[in-house]
Amino acid sequence: MSIRRQSIISSILVYIGFAIGLLNTYLYAKGFAEAEYGIIGSFMAFATIMLAFSNFGVTYYIYKFYPYYNDNLPPEKNDMITVALVTSLMAFAFVMISGFVFKDFVIRKYAEHSPEIIYYYYWLFPFGLGLSLFTILEAYAWQLRQSVVTNFLKEILWRLFATILIVLLFMGVIKNFDLFIKLYALTYAGIALALFGFLVYKKQFHLTFTLSRVTKKFYKKIIRLGLFVWMGTLVLNISQVFDTLVIGAVVASGMANVGIYTLAQNISSLVQAPQRAINAASLPALAQAWKDKDFGRLHRIYQRSSINQLIFSIAMFLLIWLNFTDGVLTFHLKQGYLDARFVFLFIGLQKIVDMGTGVNSQIIGTSTYWKVELISGMILVAITLPLNYLLTKEYGAVGPAIANLFAMIVYNGIRCIFLWRKFHMQPFTIKSLYTVLLGAAAYLPCYWLFHNSQGIGYIILRSALFVLLFGTGVLYLQLSPDVLPVLETIKKRLGIKSRK
């Protein structure tokens, strides 16, 4: 499938998944105490840290070198997935040993404000292991052009597992939250097993413990790439979840505040929904373009990813911002979740910055200049960690959201400047500015007309008006080269003839 088609299908799956995620978020916010919701958010934060250590750069190894393995080896002699899995499992064993050794340190940091983390400490590890295994299999499946399947598993099936657990808890089949969270800890292992089964069924998974000639030829580059990218992604992943960890450690009623922050994060993930689909679909093409030295194709992918993601992210951010307070009140969520509104503001803007700058990380990561990822990642951490800590102590849960927005601007700015100076590639066009102005023009009348109104009817009205104004503007200004072909395809499938 083409990048456009995979991105569209994957985006549809992602939005279905986020619809399920919104349902889960509503159920969490409605039926769980803030501290219980905070525990669920903390599980993901700790699992991400484990993934950062155990991944050991193998995902970027897959992204970068798969074309060489695929072009020179038959599938049954391709040892790439074996090398990746063995390396990551050995690294995760080290993570587990370190977790046992440093448990007392974790107790000292969380015992006062977030004792719940200590109680469920050992259940963090199966959750982290499942995430690590799925991430490796996912990266390999992307290269096999199976991004639609991986997005279904991660965006839909994983959330459905959570939905089922929540419903069973509410029905009393799962007797208490303690059993719920222990079953929840196994959900990533479930989708990792499902992806493994799919690849075996499609005869696209081959384990071989004989090193291939490709591995022998490139092993020095592979090791060097793995170490540098691992260090870069390590610091990046730590910076991405440090906000949740520091809230639990330093803010009074830590898990309750983590719950508020987690609600804002989950809602803001809607803003970022198309990014995973576009990244997954573009990675094989980027790796091949670098191999073929096709800089024109690289630049086209860069700019198209930027404008498409900018359109999606601005539209979704403004839709949510228009309806945030009304949504909390209309759906009778706990009043404490109103505090998540300004957390969402800064996290949402952070997502727009990240998406609007396109697939710069993937372009650099699949090139021979992946050291830039390490350098920019270290700068990000140097900004994020102290700023998160200071602003969290000063402003509570909204502090790390402000810190992360500033850090993301600097981080993406470095990568954009590098690609411009090195290859004269940049993600923006005049249509990027038009998209921002269109968002503001569509937002203002929706706010003025309905900002004093509350209820499900007004949520629908202001949302429909915004979509009409913004969508019409996107079509009239022809902001994306992918919009009209998609509409033509939809019309063709529906049997609607286009005017000539």
Protein backbone atom coordinates (compact mmCIF):
# COMPACT_ATOMS: atom_id res chain seq x y z
CA MET A 1 0.00 0.00 0.00
CA SER A 2 1.13 3.58 -0.63
CA ILE A 3 2.04 5.92 2.21
CA ARG A 4 -1.19 7.85 1.62
CA ARG A 5 -3.42 4.77 1.69
CA GLN A 6 -1.70 3.22 4.72
CA SER A 7 -1.85 6.57 6.52
CA ILE A 8 -5.56 6.99 5.80
CA ILE A 9 -6.51 3.45 6.87
CA SER A 10 -4.24 3.62 9.91
CA SER A 11 -5.62 7.04 10.83
CA ILE A 12 -9.15 5.66 10.71
CA LEU A 13 -8.08 2.81 13.00
CA VAL A 14 -6.31 5.25 15.27
CA TYR A 15 -9.42 7.42 15.59
CA ILE A 16 -11.59 4.37 16.28
CA GLY A 17 -9.06 3.46 18.94
CA PHE A 18 -9.17 6.92 20.38
CA ALA A 19 -12.96 6.77 20.46
CA ILE A 20 -12.59 3.63 22.57
CA GLY A 21 -9.90 5.44 24.57
CA LEU A 22 -12.29 8.33 25.18
CA LEU A 23 -14.87 5.87 26.42
CA ASN A 24 -12.27 4.37 28.74
CA THR A 25 -11.24 7.84 29.89
CA TYR A 26 -14.86 8.65 30.66
CA LEU A 27 -15.26 5.38 32.60
CA TYR A 28 -12.04 5.99 34.51
CA ALA A 29 -13.01 9.58 35.33
CA LYS A 30 -16.56 8.58 36.23
CA GLY A 31 -16.00 5.39 38.21
CA PHE A 32 -12.43 5.50 39.53
CA ALA A 33 -10.95 7.66 42.23
CA GLU A 34 -8.37 10.18 40.99
CA ALA A 35 -5.63 8.22 42.77
CA GLU A 36 -6.68 4.96 41.07
CA TYR A 37 -6.60 6.67 37.68
CA GLY A 38 -3.19 8.02 38.63
CA ILE A 39 -1.89 4.50 39.22
CA ILE A 40 -2.95 3.52 35.70
CA GLY A 41 -1.11 6.53 34.28
CA SER A 42 1.96 5.73 36.36
CA PHE A 43 2.06 2.18 34.95
CA MET A 44 2.57 3.63 31.46
CA ALA A 45 5.23 6.05 32.68
CA PHE A 46 7.30 3.35 34.38
CA ALA A 47 6.83 0.98 31.43
CA THR A 48 8.14 3.67 29.08
CA ILE A 49 11.26 4.01 31.22
CA MET A 50 11.75 0.24 31.07
CA LEU A 51 11.28 0.31 27.30
CA ALA A 52 13.83 3.11 27.00
CA PHE A 53 16.48 0.99 28.75
CA SER A 54 15.62 -2.39 27.24
CA ASN A 55 15.08 -1.27 23.64
CA PHE A 56 18.82 -0.73 23.21
CA GLY A 57 18.35 0.97 19.84
CA VAL A 58 17.01 -2.15 18.13
CA THR A 59 13.94 -0.40 16.67
CA TYR A 60 16.14 2.08 14.81
CA TYR A 61 18.39 -0.80 13.80
CA ILE A 62 15.32 -2.35 12.16
CA TYR A 63 14.28 0.94 10.52
CA LYS A 64 17.73 1.64 9.13
CA PHE A 65 19.00 -1.77 8.04
CA TYR A 66 15.88 -3.67 7.00
CA PRO A 67 16.26 -2.73 3.30
CA TYR A 68 19.77 -4.26 3.33
CA TYR A 69 18.55 -7.49 4.91
CA ASN A 70 15.52 -7.66 2.65
CA ASP A 71 17.50 -7.05 -0.55
CA ASN A 72 20.24 -9.58 0.21
CA LEU A 73 18.68 -12.44 2.18
CA PRO A 74 15.76 -14.85 1.74
CA PRO A 75 13.19 -14.54 4.58
CA GLU A 76 14.20 -17.80 6.29
CA LYS A 77 17.83 -16.63 6.58
CA ASN A 78 16.99 -13.11 7.74
CA ASP A 79 18.27 -12.96 11.34
CA MET A 80 17.23 -9.34 11.99
CA ILE A 81 14.24 -10.08 14.25
CA THR A 82 16.26 -12.70 16.15
CA VAL A 83 19.07 -10.22 16.83
CA ALA A 84 16.54 -7.57 17.88
CA LEU A 85 14.56 -9.80 20.27
CA VAL A 86 17.57 -11.46 21.91
CA THR A 87 19.26 -8.10 22.46
CA SER A 88 16.15 -6.52 23.96
CA LEU A 89 15.32 -9.49 26.21
CA MET A 90 18.86 -9.49 27.60
CA ALA A 91 18.58 -5.77 28.25
CA PHE A 92 15.19 -6.21 29.95
CA ALA A 93 16.69 -8.85 32.24
CA PHE A 94 19.18 -6.18 33.32
CA VAL A 95 16.27 -3.76 33.86
CA MET A 96 14.55 -6.24 36.17
CA ILE A 97 17.71 -6.86 38.18
CA SER A 98 18.22 -3.09 38.50
CA GLY A 99 14.58 -2.73 39.59
CA PHE A 100 15.13 -5.12 42.47
CA VAL A 101 18.44 -3.51 43.46
CA PHE A 102 17.07 0.05 43.48
CA LYS A 103 13.67 -0.68 45.00
CA ASP A 104 14.61 1.06 48.26
CA PHE A 105 15.42 4.22 46.30
CA VAL A 106 11.95 4.16 44.68
CA ILE A 107 10.36 3.64 48.11
CA ARG A 108 12.11 6.69 49.48
CA LYS A 109 10.90 8.85 46.58
CA TYR A 110 7.26 7.71 46.50
CA ALA A 111 6.38 6.49 50.00
CA GLU A 112 5.22 9.90 51.25
CA HIS A 113 3.03 11.17 48.38
CA SER A 114 2.31 8.04 46.29
CA PRO A 115 2.47 4.85 48.39
CA GLU A 116 0.24 3.08 45.84
CA ILE A 117 3.21 2.76 43.47
CA ILE A 118 5.13 0.84 46.12
CA TYR A 119 2.24 -1.57 46.62
CA TYR A 120 2.07 -2.46 42.90
CA TYR A 121 5.79 -2.15 42.25
CA TYR A 122 6.43 -5.69 40.99
CA TRP A 123 3.44 -5.56 38.61
CA LEU A 124 5.12 -2.76 36.71
CA PHE A 125 7.58 -5.26 35.19
CA PRO A 126 5.20 -7.52 33.20
CA PHE A 127 3.55 -4.36 31.84
CA GLY A 128 6.96 -3.03 30.78
CA LEU A 129 8.01 -6.35 29.27
CA GLY A 130 4.84 -6.55 27.18
CA LEU A 131 5.35 -3.00 25.89
CA SER A 132 8.99 -3.76 25.03
CA LEU A 133 8.19 -6.94 23.09
CA PHE A 134 5.32 -5.33 21.21
CA THR A 135 7.46 -2.32 20.24
CA ILE A 136 10.09 -4.53 18.60
CA LEU A 137 7.56 -6.68 16.77
CA GLU A 138 5.74 -3.51 15.70
CA ALA A 139 8.91 -1.97 14.23
CA TYR A 140 9.56 -5.15 12.26
CA ALA A 141 5.94 -5.34 11.08
CA TRP A 142 6.14 -1.73 9.84
CA GLN A 143 8.94 -2.76 7.51
CA LEU A 144 6.76 -5.61 6.26
CA ARG A 145 4.09 -3.02 5.34
CA GLN A 146 1.83 -4.27 8.15
CA SER A 147 1.35 -0.90 9.87
CA VAL A 148 -2.44 -1.22 9.55
CA VAL A 149 -2.35 -4.42 11.64
CA THR A 150 -0.05 -2.96 14.29
CA ASN A 151 -2.22 0.13 14.58
CA PHE A 152 -5.30 -2.05 15.01
CA LEU A 153 -3.61 -3.99 17.81
CA LYS A 154 -2.16 -1.00 19.66
CA GLU A 155 -4.88 1.57 19.09
CA ILE A 156 -7.98 -0.65 19.20
CA LEU A 157 -7.36 -4.10 20.70
CA TRP A 158 -5.25 -2.86 23.61
CA ARG A 159 -7.91 -0.31 24.52
CA LEU A 160 -10.63 -2.93 24.13
CA PHE A 161 -8.80 -5.10 26.66
CA ALA A 162 -8.96 -2.17 29.10
CA THR A 163 -12.65 -1.59 28.30
CA ILE A 164 -13.47 -5.22 29.01
CA LEU A 165 -11.60 -5.09 32.32
CA ILE A 166 -13.41 -1.89 33.35
CA VAL A 167 -16.83 -3.33 32.49
CA LEU A 168 -16.04 -6.56 34.34
CA LEU A 169 -14.99 -4.51 37.37
CA PHE A 170 -18.20 -2.47 37.30
CA MET A 171 -20.25 -5.69 36.93
CA GLY A 172 -18.50 -7.24 39.93
CA VAL A 173 -16.92 -10.10 37.97
CA ILE A 174 -13.55 -8.58 38.83
CA LYS A 175 -13.97 -8.18 42.55
CA ASN A 176 -11.82 -5.14 43.25
CA PHE A 177 -9.32 -2.63 41.88
CA ASP A 178 -6.42 -4.75 43.11
CA LEU A 179 -7.31 -7.59 40.73
CA PHE A 180 -8.14 -5.11 37.97
CA ILE A 181 -4.69 -3.51 37.99
CA LYS A 182 -2.94 -6.89 38.04
CA LEU A 183 -4.87 -8.00 34.96
CA TYR A 184 -4.26 -4.62 33.35
CA ALA A 185 -0.53 -5.23 33.78
CA LEU A 186 -0.81 -8.12 31.29
CA THR A 187 -2.59 -6.24 28.48
CA TYR A 188 0.50 -5.29 26.48
CA ALA A 189 1.72 -8.87 26.65
CA GLY A 190 -1.65 -9.81 25.14
CA ILE A 191 -1.26 -7.64 22.03
CA ALA A 192 2.41 -8.64 21.67
CA LEU A 193 1.29 -12.27 21.57
CA ALA A 194 -1.43 -11.39 19.03
CA LEU A 195 1.10 -9.66 16.73
CA PHE A 196 3.51 -12.58 17.05
CA GLY A 197 0.70 -14.97 16.09
CA PHE A 198 -0.25 -12.83 13.08
CA LEU A 199 3.32 -12.69 11.75
CA VAL A 200 3.68 -16.46 12.17
CA TYR A 201 0.35 -17.01 10.39
CA LYS A 202 1.47 -14.79 7.50
CA LYS A 203 4.81 -16.67 7.42
CA GLN A 204 6.66 -13.39 7.95
CA PHE A 205 8.33 -14.35 11.23
CA HIS A 206 11.48 -16.44 11.00
CA LEU A 207 13.85 -17.13 13.88
CA THR A 208 17.35 -18.16 12.94
CA PHE A 209 20.29 -18.24 15.31
CA THR A 210 22.88 -18.29 12.52
CA LEU A 211 24.36 -14.86 11.90
CA SER A 212 23.77 -13.79 8.32
CA ARG A 213 26.36 -12.25 6.01
CA VAL A 214 24.54 -8.91 6.30
CA THR A 215 24.89 -8.89 10.09
CA LYS A 216 28.56 -9.86 9.79
CA LYS A 217 29.19 -7.13 7.23
CA PHE A 218 27.43 -4.32 9.09
CA TYR A 219 27.81 -5.40 12.72
CA LYS A 220 30.17 -2.54 13.61
CA LYS A 221 27.77 0.03 12.16
CA ILE A 222 24.84 -1.76 13.80
CA ILE A 223 26.47 -1.64 17.23
CA ARG A 224 27.49 1.98 16.80
CA LEU A 225 24.01 2.92 15.61
CA GLY A 226 22.36 0.96 18.42
CA LEU A 227 24.44 2.56 21.15
CA PHE A 228 24.11 6.13 19.92
CA VAL A 229 20.42 5.92 19.12
CA TRP A 230 19.75 4.04 22.35
CA MET A 231 21.36 6.84 24.36
CA GLY A 232 19.38 9.41 22.37
CA THR A 233 16.02 7.65 22.74
CA LEU A 234 16.81 6.83 26.36
CA VAL A 235 17.05 10.46 27.33
CA LEU A 236 14.11 11.34 25.08
CA ASN A 237 11.81 8.72 26.63
CA ILE A 238 12.84 9.70 30.14
CA SER A 239 12.00 13.31 29.34
CA GLN A 240 8.59 12.28 27.95
CA VAL A 241 7.43 10.57 31.16
CA PHE A 242 9.42 12.49 33.74
CA ASP A 243 6.43 14.77 34.20
CA THR A 244 4.24 11.94 35.51
CA LEU A 245 7.01 10.57 37.69
CA VAL A 246 7.89 13.92 39.27
CA ILE A 247 4.24 14.78 40.02
CA GLY A 248 3.88 11.51 41.92
CA ALA A 249 7.09 12.11 43.81
CA VAL A 250 6.90 15.79 44.84
CA VAL A 251 3.24 16.93 44.79
CA ALA A 252 0.96 16.34 47.77
CA SER A 253 -1.77 13.79 46.99
CA GLY A 254 0.58 12.61 44.27
CA MET A 255 -1.56 9.92 42.63
CA ALA A 256 -4.64 12.16 42.56
CA ASN A 257 -2.66 14.84 40.72
CA VAL A 258 -1.21 12.20 38.43
CA GLY A 259 -4.80 11.20 37.68
CA ILE A 260 -5.66 14.79 36.68
CA TYR A 261 -2.52 14.99 34.56
CA THR A 262 -3.25 11.60 32.99
CA LEU A 263 -6.74 12.75 31.99
CA ALA A 264 -5.24 15.77 30.20
CA GLN A 265 -2.62 13.55 28.54
CA ASN A 266 -5.19 11.04 27.33
CA ILE A 267 -7.44 13.72 25.91
CA SER A 268 -4.50 15.50 24.28
CA SER A 269 -3.49 12.24 22.62
CA LEU A 270 -6.44 12.87 20.27
CA VAL A 271 -4.48 15.83 18.94
CA GLN A 272 -1.62 13.50 18.05
CA ALA A 273 -3.74 10.67 16.67
CA PRO A 274 -2.56 10.69 13.01
CA GLN A 275 1.12 10.89 13.94
CA ARG A 276 1.65 7.21 14.64
CA ALA A 277 -0.09 6.24 11.41
CA ILE A 278 1.98 8.66 9.32
CA ASN A 279 5.22 7.65 11.04
CA ALA A 280 4.51 3.97 10.54
CA ALA A 281 3.64 4.40 6.87
CA SER A 282 6.56 6.71 6.07
CA LEU A 283 9.43 4.84 7.74
CA PRO A 284 9.96 2.14 5.07
CA ALA A 285 9.79 4.77 2.32
CA LEU A 286 12.26 7.03 4.14
CA ALA A 287 14.73 4.19 4.69
CA GLN A 288 14.49 3.24 1.00
CA ALA A 289 14.83 6.88 -0.11
CA TRP A 290 18.03 7.29 1.90
CA LYS A 291 19.37 4.06 0.41
CA ASP A 292 18.53 5.34 -3.10
CA LYS A 293 19.72 8.88 -2.28
CA ASP A 294 16.35 10.22 -3.45
CA PHE A 295 16.38 13.60 -1.70
CA GLY A 296 13.40 14.88 -3.66
CA ARG A 297 11.23 12.11 -2.24
CA LEU A 298 12.54 12.77 1.27
CA HIS A 299 11.59 16.44 1.01
CA ARG A 300 8.11 15.64 -0.34
CA ILE A 301 7.42 13.22 2.51
CA TYR A 302 8.76 15.78 5.00
CA GLN A 303 6.48 18.60 3.83
CA ARG A 304 3.40 16.45 3.30
CA SER A 305 3.73 14.90 6.75
CA SER A 306 4.02 18.40 8.21
CA ILE A 307 0.94 19.96 6.57
CA ASN A 308 -1.25 16.87 7.05
CA GLN A 309 -0.36 16.59 10.73
CA LEU A 310 -0.69 20.32 11.28
CA ILE A 311 -4.22 20.33 9.84
CA PHE A 312 -5.27 17.36 12.00
CA SER A 313 -3.65 18.60 15.20
CA ILE A 314 -4.95 22.18 15.05
CA ALA A 315 -8.47 21.03 14.24
CA MET A 316 -8.57 18.46 17.04
CA PHE A 317 -6.92 20.74 19.60
CA LEU A 318 -9.42 23.55 19.01
CA LEU A 319 -12.38 21.16 19.02
CA ILE A 320 -11.35 19.83 22.43
CA TRP A 321 -10.49 23.28 23.82
CA LEU A 322 -13.90 24.58 22.76
CA ASN A 323 -15.69 21.78 24.62
CA PHE A 324 -13.41 20.88 27.55
CA THR A 325 -15.23 22.54 30.44
CA ASP A 326 -18.65 21.80 28.97
CA GLY A 327 -17.65 18.15 28.58
CA VAL A 328 -16.58 17.75 32.22
CA LEU A 329 -19.78 19.38 33.48
CA THR A 330 -22.19 17.80 30.99
CA PHE A 331 -20.94 14.26 31.56
CA HIS A 332 -20.83 14.78 35.35
CA LEU A 333 -17.17 13.93 35.82
CA LYS A 334 -15.53 14.64 39.15
CA GLN A 335 -15.09 18.38 39.66
CA GLY A 336 -11.37 17.89 40.25
CA TYR A 337 -10.94 17.10 36.57
CA LEU A 338 -11.73 20.72 35.68
CA ASP A 339 -8.15 21.37 36.78
CA ALA A 340 -7.00 19.32 33.78
CA ARG A 341 -8.13 22.05 31.34
CA PHE A 342 -5.01 24.20 31.52
CA VAL A 343 -2.81 21.11 31.69
CA PHE A 344 -4.41 20.09 28.39
CA LEU A 345 -3.79 23.57 26.93
CA PHE A 346 -0.02 23.28 27.21
CA ILE A 347 0.19 19.58 26.37
CA GLY A 348 -2.01 20.14 23.32
CA LEU A 349 0.19 22.98 22.07
CA GLN A 350 3.19 20.72 22.58
CA LYS A 351 1.56 18.09 20.34
CA ILE A 352 0.89 20.70 17.64
CA VAL A 353 4.55 21.76 17.66
CA ASP A 354 5.71 18.16 17.42
CA MET A 355 3.31 17.24 14.62
CA GLY A 356 3.64 20.46 12.67
CA THR A 357 7.37 19.90 12.23
CA GLY A 358 6.71 16.66 10.35
CA VAL A 359 8.65 13.40 10.38
CA ASN A 360 12.00 15.06 11.13
CA SER A 361 12.87 12.43 13.75
CA GLN A 362 12.21 9.58 11.32
CA ILE A 363 14.20 11.29 8.53
CA ILE A 364 17.21 11.76 10.79
CA GLY A 365 16.85 8.35 12.41
CA THR A 366 16.92 6.49 9.07
CA SER A 367 19.88 8.53 7.79
CA THR A 368 23.57 8.28 8.56
CA TYR A 369 23.24 11.38 10.76
CA TRP A 370 21.38 9.68 13.59
CA LYS A 371 23.90 11.14 16.07
CA VAL A 372 21.85 14.33 15.81
CA GLU A 373 19.07 12.42 17.59
CA LEU A 374 21.41 11.80 20.51
CA ILE A 375 22.59 15.39 20.69
CA SER A 376 19.11 16.90 20.42
CA GLY A 377 17.80 14.33 22.90
CA MET A 378 20.47 15.24 25.44
CA ILE A 379 19.61 18.92 25.05
CA LEU A 380 15.95 18.06 25.54
CA VAL A 381 16.68 16.22 28.78
CA ALA A 382 19.00 18.99 29.98
CA ILE A 383 16.04 21.38 29.63
CA THR A 384 13.17 19.08 30.59
CA LEU A 385 14.31 17.43 33.82
CA PRO A 386 15.29 20.49 35.90
CA LEU A 387 12.50 22.63 34.42
CA ASN A 388 9.91 19.93 35.13
CA TYR A 389 11.04 19.62 38.73
CA LEU A 390 11.13 23.36 39.39
CA LEU A 391 7.81 24.17 37.72
CA THR A 392 6.07 21.18 39.31
CA LYS A 393 7.08 22.36 42.78
CA GLU A 394 5.93 25.87 41.89
CA TYR A 395 2.72 25.26 39.91
CA GLY A 396 1.71 21.64 40.62
CA ALA A 397 0.34 19.50 37.79
CA VAL A 398 0.36 22.32 35.20
CA GLY A 399 4.09 22.95 35.74
CA PRO A 400 5.48 20.02 33.73
CA ALA A 401 3.06 20.76 30.88
CA ILE A 402 4.57 24.26 30.55
CA ALA A 403 8.09 22.86 30.81
CA ASN A 404 7.48 20.24 28.13
CA LEU A 405 6.03 22.77 25.68
CA PHE A 406 9.14 24.92 25.93
CA ALA A 407 11.43 21.89 25.65
CA MET A 408 9.56 20.54 22.59
CA ILE A 409 9.94 23.87 20.78
CA VAL A 410 13.71 23.79 21.34
CA TYR A 411 13.99 20.08 20.50
CA ASN A 412 12.14 20.26 17.19
CA GLY A 413 13.82 23.55 16.35
CA ILE A 414 17.24 21.89 16.53
CA ARG A 415 16.19 19.07 14.21
CA CYS A 416 14.52 21.39 11.72
CA ILE A 417 17.57 23.66 11.60
CA PHE A 418 19.85 20.65 11.06
CA LEU A 419 17.81 19.32 8.12
CA TRP A 420 17.64 22.78 6.57
CA ARG A 421 21.34 23.53 6.87
CA LYS A 422 22.49 20.03 5.85
CA PHE A 423 19.99 19.14 3.10
CA HIS A 424 17.99 22.34 2.47
CA MET A 425 14.85 20.52 3.60
CA GLN A 426 12.27 22.24 5.76
CA PRO A 427 8.70 21.20 6.60
CA PHE A 428 6.82 24.48 6.17
CA THR A 429 5.17 26.26 3.27
CA ILE A 430 2.89 29.28 3.09
CA LYS A 431 0.03 26.83 3.56
CA SER A 432 1.33 26.09 7.07
CA LEU A 433 0.62 29.73 7.97
CA TYR A 434 -2.78 29.56 6.28
CA THR A 435 -3.63 26.50 8.41
CA VAL A 436 -2.86 28.35 11.66
CA LEU A 437 -4.86 31.42 10.59
CA LEU A 438 -7.75 29.24 9.43
CA GLY A 439 -7.85 27.53 12.84
CA ALA A 440 -8.10 30.89 14.59
CA ALA A 441 -10.77 32.14 12.15
CA ALA A 442 -12.91 29.02 12.64
CA TYR A 443 -12.48 29.04 16.44
CA LEU A 444 -13.55 32.62 17.21
CA PRO A 445 -17.20 32.52 16.02
CA CYS A 446 -17.71 29.13 17.68
CA TYR A 447 -16.45 30.55 20.97
CA TRP A 448 -18.43 33.81 20.78
CA LEU A 449 -21.69 32.09 19.92
CA PHE A 450 -21.65 29.26 22.46
CA HIS A 451 -19.15 29.99 25.28
CA ASN A 452 -21.94 30.63 27.82
CA SER A 453 -23.97 27.58 26.76
CA GLN A 454 -23.80 24.12 28.29
CA GLY A 455 -25.15 20.69 27.42
CA ILE A 456 -24.73 17.91 24.89
CA GLY A 457 -26.70 19.85 22.28
CA TYR A 458 -24.32 22.79 22.46
CA ILE A 459 -21.28 20.51 22.32
CA ILE A 460 -22.66 19.11 19.06
CA LEU A 461 -23.56 22.56 17.70
CA ARG A 462 -20.24 24.26 18.37
CA SER A 463 -18.33 21.19 17.14
CA ALA A 464 -20.38 20.94 13.94
CA LEU A 465 -19.93 24.64 13.22
CA PHE A 466 -16.18 24.45 13.77
CA VAL A 467 -15.81 21.36 11.54
CA LEU A 468 -17.88 23.05 8.83
CA LEU A 469 -15.83 26.25 8.91
CA PHE A 470 -12.43 24.60 9.22
CA GLY A 471 -13.17 21.78 6.76
CA THR A 472 -14.52 24.18 4.14
CA GLY A 473 -11.41 26.33 4.54
CA VAL A 474 -9.09 23.35 4.11
CA LEU A 475 -10.83 22.38 0.87
CA TYR A 476 -11.12 25.91 -0.51
CA LEU A 477 -7.48 26.77 0.19
CA GLN A 478 -6.33 23.29 -0.93
CA LEU A 479 -4.03 23.12 2.09
CA SER A 480 -3.07 19.47 1.61
CA PRO A 481 -2.34 17.66 -1.67
CA ASP A 482 -3.77 14.51 -0.10
CA VAL A 483 -7.24 15.83 0.76
CA LEU A 484 -8.79 16.02 -2.72
CA PRO A 485 -7.52 12.58 -3.86
CA VAL A 486 -8.98 11.09 -0.69
CA LEU A 487 -12.35 12.77 -1.35
CA GLU A 488 -12.33 11.52 -4.93
CA THR A 489 -11.65 8.01 -3.71
CA ILE A 490 -14.51 8.22 -1.21
CA LYS A 491 -16.87 9.56 -3.90
CA LYS A 492 -15.86 6.76 -6.24
CA ARG A 493 -16.50 4.13 -3.58
CA LEU A 494 -19.90 5.69 -2.85
CA GLY A 495 -20.77 5.89 -6.53
CA ILE A 496 -20.86 9.71 -6.58
CA LYS A 497 -19.75 11.23 -9.88
CA SER A 498 -17.47 14.24 -9.75
CA ARG A 499 -18.38 17.37 -11.70
CA LYS A 500 -16.22 18.03 -14.73
